[in-house]
């Protein structure tokens, strides 16, 4: 296997695992979750499933929506569905709740920054977008609406639904919303993988233009 492919695989799975860890830190901080995890937590509260299990089920359901949108999943897409949920549940089992703001605030900030780094890692690996991001780009192509407008509409609906179900919305949700874009763009440059030589086997397609992963 070529070295550049090995590097991309390591980046992909490191990024996915760290994404799950970062999401667990946000949960334990108790100060607010990223938009999709507000929904996942709310559903977990109602169903009795773990938040990681709900994340996997919702990711699989979103992936089914790719079919009418004619989106093609990559290795990263399928891995995203399972690895983040498993890593999140594993991290939650190890990281206790923080009850003091002296711990909660640093945990929140660490979770947001680590999330940005994890996003940069696995997007830069170029093994395909996550299920939710592919949904956004697919809707963009089918409707002609801007990705920003579609993402905003979907995430507002996701947060509102999750909040009504019992998900945690707070200052962390706002901090995540305003900082994840710049953080992800920065780490995308840091972890950019050189393009494979022309004669090398390309394992997966690139990331859809304009997509920034946010759960």
Foldseek 3Di string as FASTA:
>chain_A
DDPLLVLLVVLLLVLLLLLLLLQLLLVLLLAFGALLLLLLVLVCVVPVDDSLVSQLVVQVVLLVVVVVLVDDAFPSQNCNSRSSSVSNVVNNVVDHHDDDNVRSVVSLVVSLLSNLLSQLRNQLSFREDYSVLSSLVSCCVVPVDDSVVSVVVVSVVSNVNSVVSPGRHHPSNVVNVVPSVVSNVVNNVVNHRDDDPPPDDDRHHHYPPPTGDTD
